[in-house]
PDB file of N, CA and C in Angstrom:
ATOM      1  N   MET A   1      40.101  14.774  27.542  1.00  0.00           N
ATOM      2  CA  MET A   1      39.200  15.875  27.232  1.00  0.00           C
ATOM      3  C   MET A   1      37.811  15.511  27.763  1.00  0.00           C
ATOM      4  N   GLU A   2      37.155  16.477  28.357  1.00  0.00           N
ATOM      5  CA  GLU A   2      35.821  16.214  28.877  1.00  0.00           C
ATOM      6  C   GLU A   2      34.841  16.026  27.725  1.00  0.00           C
ATOM      7  N   ALA A   3      33.791  15.279  27.970  1.00  0.00           N
ATOM      8  CA  ALA A   3      32.860  14.925  26.903  1.00  0.00           C
ATOM      9  C   ALA A   3      32.083  16.132  26.376  1.00  0.00           C
ATOM     10  N   GLY A   4      31.608  17.000  27.252  1.00  0.00           N
ATOM     11  CA  GLY A   4      30.801  18.144  26.816  1.00  0.00           C
ATOM     12  C   GLY A   4      31.545  19.078  25.873  1.00  0.00           C
ATOM     13  N   PRO A   5      32.722  19.584  26.279  1.00  0.00           N
ATOM     14  CA  PRO A   5      33.475  20.457  25.388  1.00  0.00           C
ATOM     15  C   PRO A   5      33.930  19.765  24.107  1.00  0.00           C
ATOM     16  N   ALA A   6      34.251  18.479  24.191  1.00  0.00           N
ATOM     17  CA  ALA A   6      34.689  17.750  22.998  1.00  0.00           C
ATOM     18  C   ALA A   6      33.552  17.639  21.988  1.00  0.00           C
ATOM     19  N   ILE A   7      32.353  17.372  22.476  1.00  0.00           N
ATOM     20  CA  ILE A   7      31.200  17.264  21.569  1.00  0.00           C
ATOM     21  C   ILE A   7      30.873  18.626  20.968  1.00  0.00           C
ATOM     22  N   PHE A   8      30.955  19.682  21.779  1.00  0.00           N
ATOM     23  CA  PHE A   8      30.689  21.027  21.270  1.00  0.00           C
ATOM     24  C   PHE A   8      31.709  21.410  20.199  1.00  0.00           C
ATOM     25  N   ALA A   9      33.000  21.197  20.484  1.00  0.00           N
ATOM     26  CA  ALA A   9      34.048  21.534  19.524  1.00  0.00           C
ATOM     27  C   ALA A   9      33.889  20.726  18.238  1.00  0.00           C
ATOM     28  N   ALA A  10      33.587  19.441  18.372  1.00  0.00           N
ATOM     29  CA  ALA A  10      33.394  18.589  17.202  1.00  0.00           C
ATOM     30  C   ALA A  10      32.232  19.083  16.353  1.00  0.00           C
ATOM     31  N   THR A  11      31.134  19.470  16.998  1.00  0.00           N
ATOM     32  CA  THR A  11      29.974  19.977  16.270  1.00  0.00           C
ATOM     33  C   THR A  11      30.310  21.246  15.510  1.00  0.00           C
ATOM     34  N   VAL A  12      31.023  22.154  16.175  1.00  0.00           N
ATOM     35  CA  VAL A  12      31.410  23.410  15.513  1.00  0.00           C
ATOM     36  C   VAL A  12      32.305  23.130  14.322  1.00  0.00           C
ATOM     37  N   PHE A  13      33.327  22.314  14.500  1.00  0.00           N
ATOM     38  CA  PHE A  13      34.239  22.004  13.397  1.00  0.00           C
ATOM     39  C   PHE A  13      33.518  21.310  12.242  1.00  0.00           C
ATOM     40  N   LEU A  14      32.649  20.343  12.555  1.00  0.00           N
ATOM     41  CA  LEU A  14      31.949  19.607  11.508  1.00  0.00           C
ATOM     42  C   LEU A  14      30.976  20.503  10.739  1.00  0.00           C
ATOM     43  N   LEU A  15      30.249  21.358  11.446  1.00  0.00           N
ATOM     44  CA  LEU A  15      29.335  22.276  10.763  1.00  0.00           C
ATOM     45  C   LEU A  15      30.095  23.282   9.907  1.00  0.00           C
ATOM     46  N   PHE A  16      31.179  23.824  10.440  1.00  0.00           N
ATOM     47  CA  PHE A  16      31.974  24.785   9.678  1.00  0.00           C
ATOM     48  C   PHE A  16      32.577  24.135   8.438  1.00  0.00           C
ATOM     49  N   GLY A  17      33.154  22.946   8.587  1.00  0.00           N
ATOM     50  CA  GLY A  17      33.764  22.258   7.453  1.00  0.00           C
ATOM     51  C   GLY A  17      32.749  21.934   6.370  1.00  0.00           C
ATOM     52  N   ALA A  18      31.589  21.446   6.779  1.00  0.00           N
ATOM     53  CA  ALA A  18      30.539  21.131   5.809  1.00  0.00           C
ATOM     54  C   ALA A  18      30.039  22.394   5.111  1.00  0.00           C
ATOM     55  N   ALA A  19      29.898  23.472   5.860  1.00  0.00           N
ATOM     56  CA  ALA A  19      29.432  24.731   5.270  1.00  0.00           C
ATOM     57  C   ALA A  19      30.444  25.290   4.271  1.00  0.00           C
ATOM     58  N   VAL A  20      31.712  25.248   4.613  1.00  0.00           N
ATOM     59  CA  VAL A  20      32.747  25.758   3.701  1.00  0.00           C
ATOM     60  C   VAL A  20      32.793  24.928   2.421  1.00  0.00           C
ATOM     61  N   LEU A  21      32.731  23.621   2.545  1.00  0.00           N
ATOM     62  CA  LEU A  21      32.776  22.772   1.359  1.00  0.00           C
ATOM     63  C   LEU A  21      31.532  22.945   0.490  1.00  0.00           C
ATOM     64  N   THR A  22      30.369  23.073   1.121  1.00  0.00           N
ATOM     65  CA  THR A  22      29.131  23.292   0.364  1.00  0.00           C
ATOM     66  C   THR A  22      29.164  24.636  -0.341  1.00  0.00           C
ATOM     67  N   TRP A  23      29.567  25.657   0.383  1.00  0.00           N
ATOM     68  CA  TRP A  23      29.633  27.010  -0.187  1.00  0.00           C
ATOM     69  C   TRP A  23      30.612  27.054  -1.368  1.00  0.00           C
ATOM     70  N   THR A  24      31.768  26.432  -1.194  1.00  0.00           N
ATOM     71  CA  THR A  24      32.770  26.406  -2.265  1.00  0.00           C
ATOM     72  C   THR A  24      32.234  25.666  -3.487  1.00  0.00           C
ATOM     73  N   ALA A  25      31.582  24.539  -3.275  1.00  0.00           N
ATOM     74  CA  ALA A  25      31.028  23.760  -4.396  1.00  0.00           C
ATOM     75  C   ALA A  25      29.965  24.564  -5.147  1.00  0.00           C
ATOM     76  N   LEU A  26      29.112  25.263  -4.408  1.00  0.00           N
ATOM     77  CA  LEU A  26      28.082  26.070  -5.067  1.00  0.00           C
ATOM     78  C   LEU A  26      28.686  27.236  -5.843  1.00  0.00           C
ATOM     79  N   ARG A  27      29.710  27.874  -5.282  1.00  0.00           N
ATOM     80  CA  ARG A  27      30.356  28.991  -5.980  1.00  0.00           C
ATOM     81  C   ARG A  27      31.034  28.496  -7.262  1.00  0.00           C
ATOM     82  N   VAL A  28      31.680  27.350  -7.189  1.00  0.00           N
ATOM     83  CA  VAL A  28      32.350  26.790  -8.371  1.00  0.00           C
ATOM     84  C   VAL A  28      31.315  26.377  -9.415  1.00  0.00           C
ATOM     85  N   ALA A  29      30.219  25.792  -8.972  1.00  0.00           N
ATOM     86  CA  ALA A  29      29.175  25.352  -9.906  1.00  0.00           C
ATOM     87  C   ALA A  29      28.548  26.527 -10.654  1.00  0.00           C
ATOM     88  N   HIS A  30      28.441  27.667  -9.983  1.00  0.00           N
ATOM     89  CA  HIS A  30      27.873  28.861 -10.627  1.00  0.00           C
ATOM     90  C   HIS A  30      28.931  29.740 -11.281  1.00  0.00           C
ATOM     91  N   ARG A  31      30.168  29.260 -11.303  1.00  0.00           N
ATOM     92  CA  ARG A  31      31.302  29.991 -11.875  1.00  0.00           C
ATOM     93  C   ARG A  31      31.455  31.378 -11.265  1.00  0.00           C
ATOM     94  N   ALA A  32      31.185  31.469  -9.993  1.00  0.00           N
ATOM     95  CA  ALA A  32      31.342  32.711  -9.240  1.00  0.00           C
ATOM     96  C   ALA A  32      32.679  32.652  -8.491  1.00  0.00           C
ATOM     97  N   PRO A  33      33.249  33.809  -8.188  1.00  0.00           N
ATOM     98  CA  PRO A  33      34.529  33.786  -7.466  1.00  0.00           C
ATOM     99  C   PRO A  33      34.366  33.239  -6.050  1.00  0.00           C
ATOM    100  N   VAL A  34      35.320  32.434  -5.641  1.00  0.00           N
ATOM    101  CA  VAL A  34      35.304  31.878  -4.296  1.00  0.00           C
ATOM    102  C   VAL A  34      35.831  32.921  -3.307  1.00  0.00           C
ATOM    103  N   ALA A  35      36.853  33.653  -3.713  1.00  0.00           N
ATOM    104  CA  ALA A  35      37.410  34.742  -2.903  1.00  0.00           C
ATOM    105  C   ALA A  35      37.644  35.926  -3.837  1.00  0.00           C
ATOM    106  N   GLU A  36      37.198  37.075  -3.430  1.00  0.00           N
ATOM    107  CA  GLU A  36      37.313  38.285  -4.243  1.00  0.00           C
ATOM    108  C   GLU A  36      38.779  38.648  -4.431  1.00  0.00           C
ATOM    109  N   GLY A  37      39.185  38.814  -5.689  1.00  0.00           N
ATOM    110  CA  GLY A  37      40.535  39.246  -6.002  1.00  0.00           C
ATOM    111  C   GLY A  37      41.585  38.149  -5.994  1.00  0.00           C
ATOM    112  N   VAL A  38      41.158  36.896  -5.849  1.00  0.00           N
ATOM    113  CA  VAL A  38      42.099  35.774  -5.826  1.00  0.00           C
ATOM    114  C   VAL A  38      41.774  34.859  -6.986  1.00  0.00           C
ATOM    115  N   ARG A  39      42.810  34.374  -7.660  1.00  0.00           N
ATOM    116  CA  ARG A  39      42.584  33.469  -8.784  1.00  0.00           C
ATOM    117  C   ARG A  39      41.889  32.194  -8.312  1.00  0.00           C
ATOM    118  N   PRO A  40      40.946  31.678  -9.109  1.00  0.00           N
ATOM    119  CA  PRO A  40      40.243  30.444  -8.718  1.00  0.00           C
ATOM    120  C   PRO A  40      41.182  29.255  -8.533  1.00  0.00           C
ATOM    121  N   SER A  41      42.286  29.223  -9.270  1.00  0.00           N
ATOM    122  CA  SER A  41      43.216  28.100  -9.142  1.00  0.00           C
ATOM    123  C   SER A  41      43.917  28.097  -7.780  1.00  0.00           C
ATOM    124  N   VAL A  42      43.862  29.211  -7.082  1.00  0.00           N
ATOM    125  CA  VAL A  42      44.426  29.288  -5.733  1.00  0.00           C
ATOM    126  C   VAL A  42      43.323  29.212  -4.678  1.00  0.00           C
ATOM    127  N   ALA A  43      42.222  29.916  -4.915  1.00  0.00           N
ATOM    128  CA  ALA A  43      41.163  30.025  -3.911  1.00  0.00           C
ATOM    129  C   ALA A  43      40.436  28.712  -3.673  1.00  0.00           C
ATOM    130  N   VAL A  44      40.128  27.992  -4.721  1.00  0.00           N
ATOM    131  CA  VAL A  44      39.348  26.749  -4.571  1.00  0.00           C
ATOM    132  C   VAL A  44      40.124  25.697  -3.766  1.00  0.00           C
ATOM    133  N   PRO A  45      41.371  25.399  -4.098  1.00  0.00           N
ATOM    134  CA  PRO A  45      42.075  24.396  -3.291  1.00  0.00           C
ATOM    135  C   PRO A  45      42.252  24.816  -1.833  1.00  0.00           C
ATOM    136  N   LEU A  46      42.486  26.103  -1.587  1.00  0.00           N
ATOM    137  CA  LEU A  46      42.636  26.550  -0.203  1.00  0.00           C
ATOM    138  C   LEU A  46      41.327  26.431   0.571  1.00  0.00           C
ATOM    139  N   ALA A  47      40.215  26.735  -0.071  1.00  0.00           N
ATOM    140  CA  ALA A  47      38.917  26.605   0.589  1.00  0.00           C
ATOM    141  C   ALA A  47      38.599  25.133   0.859  1.00  0.00           C
ATOM    142  N   VAL A  48      38.894  24.270  -0.096  1.00  0.00           N
ATOM    143  CA  VAL A  48      38.657  22.836   0.095  1.00  0.00           C
ATOM    144  C   VAL A  48      39.570  22.294   1.199  1.00  0.00           C
ATOM    145  N   LEU A  49      40.796  22.764   1.237  1.00  0.00           N
ATOM    146  CA  LEU A  49      41.728  22.344   2.283  1.00  0.00           C
ATOM    147  C   LEU A  49      41.231  22.787   3.662  1.00  0.00           C
ATOM    148  N   ALA A  50      40.765  24.011   3.770  1.00  0.00           N
ATOM    149  CA  ALA A  50      40.255  24.519   5.049  1.00  0.00           C
ATOM    150  C   ALA A  50      39.023  23.738   5.492  1.00  0.00           C
ATOM    151  N   GLY A  51      38.099  23.471   4.568  1.00  0.00           N
ATOM    152  CA  GLY A  51      36.909  22.695   4.901  1.00  0.00           C
ATOM    153  C   GLY A  51      37.246  21.272   5.296  1.00  0.00           C
ATOM    154  N   GLY A  52      38.136  20.654   4.552  1.00  0.00           N
ATOM    155  CA  GLY A  52      38.548  19.287   4.871  1.00  0.00           C
ATOM    156  C   GLY A  52      39.276  19.201   6.200  1.00  0.00           C
ATOM    157  N   LEU A  53      40.120  20.185   6.489  1.00  0.00           N
ATOM    158  CA  LEU A  53      40.828  20.213   7.760  1.00  0.00           C
ATOM    159  C   LEU A  53      39.854  20.366   8.926  1.00  0.00           C
ATOM    160  N   ALA A  54      38.837  21.193   8.748  1.00  0.00           N
ATOM    161  CA  ALA A  54      37.825  21.350   9.800  1.00  0.00           C
ATOM    162  C   ALA A  54      37.076  20.033  10.035  1.00  0.00           C
ATOM    163  N   LEU A  55      36.763  19.318   8.963  1.00  0.00           N
ATOM    164  CA  LEU A  55      36.093  18.020   9.124  1.00  0.00           C
ATOM    165  C   LEU A  55      36.981  17.017   9.854  1.00  0.00           C
ATOM    166  N   VAL A  56      38.254  17.010   9.523  1.00  0.00           N
ATOM    167  CA  VAL A  56      39.195  16.096  10.187  1.00  0.00           C
ATOM    168  C   VAL A  56      39.320  16.449  11.668  1.00  0.00           C
ATOM    169  N   LEU A  57      39.402  17.743  11.985  1.00  0.00           N
ATOM    170  CA  LEU A  57      39.483  18.149  13.383  1.00  0.00           C
ATOM    171  C   LEU A  57      38.211  17.782  14.147  1.00  0.00           C
ATOM    172  N   GLY A  58      37.066  17.916  13.499  1.00  0.00           N
ATOM    173  CA  GLY A  58      35.817  17.512  14.128  1.00  0.00           C
ATOM    174  C   GLY A  58      35.783  16.030  14.418  1.00  0.00           C
ATOM    175  N   ALA A  59      36.228  15.239  13.470  1.00  0.00           N
ATOM    176  CA  ALA A  59      36.271  13.788  13.683  1.00  0.00           C
ATOM    177  C   ALA A  59      37.262  13.433  14.785  1.00  0.00           C
ATOM    178  N   TRP A  60      38.391  14.132  14.830  1.00  0.00           N
ATOM    179  CA  TRP A  60      39.379  13.885  15.874  1.00  0.00           C
ATOM    180  C   TRP A  60      38.801  14.202  17.249  1.00  0.00           C
ATOM    181  N   CYS A  61      38.066  15.311  17.351  1.00  0.00           N
ATOM    182  CA  CYS A  61      37.432  15.676  18.623  1.00  0.00           C
ATOM    183  C   CYS A  61      36.445  14.594  19.063  1.00  0.00           C
ATOM    184  N   LEU A  62      35.737  14.008  18.127  1.00  0.00           N
ATOM    185  CA  LEU A  62      34.783  12.961  18.485  1.00  0.00           C
ATOM    186  C   LEU A  62      35.480  11.698  18.998  1.00  0.00           C
ATOM    187  N   THR A  63      36.693  11.455  18.533  1.00  0.00           N
ATOM    188  CA  THR A  63      37.426  10.285  19.039  1.00  0.00           C
ATOM    189  C   THR A  63      37.908  10.490  20.466  1.00  0.00           C
ATOM    190  N   ARG A  64      37.896  11.730  20.942  1.00  0.00           N
ATOM    191  CA  ARG A  64      38.351  12.043  22.292  1.00  0.00           C
ATOM    192  C   ARG A  64      37.235  11.974  23.319  1.00  0.00           C
ATOM    193  N   VAL A  65      36.028  11.654  22.885  1.00  0.00           N
ATOM    194  CA  VAL A  65      34.893  11.603  23.822  1.00  0.00           C
ATOM    195  C   VAL A  65      34.960  10.344  24.650  1.00  0.00           C
TER     196      VAL A  65
END
């Protein structure tokens, strides 16, 4: 993988993952719904999984530089 696209992809994934995890944590802390119409016991783990997966993909992209 070329260095430029790998760094760009890694940055996007890392920013998205961090934003999703921060947003989810703030919503849970304020006892607000994470997803409209979805039970918190389902929405929170899925949001954390999506954020964590984005962070892992970002780290993987950085290893390809």
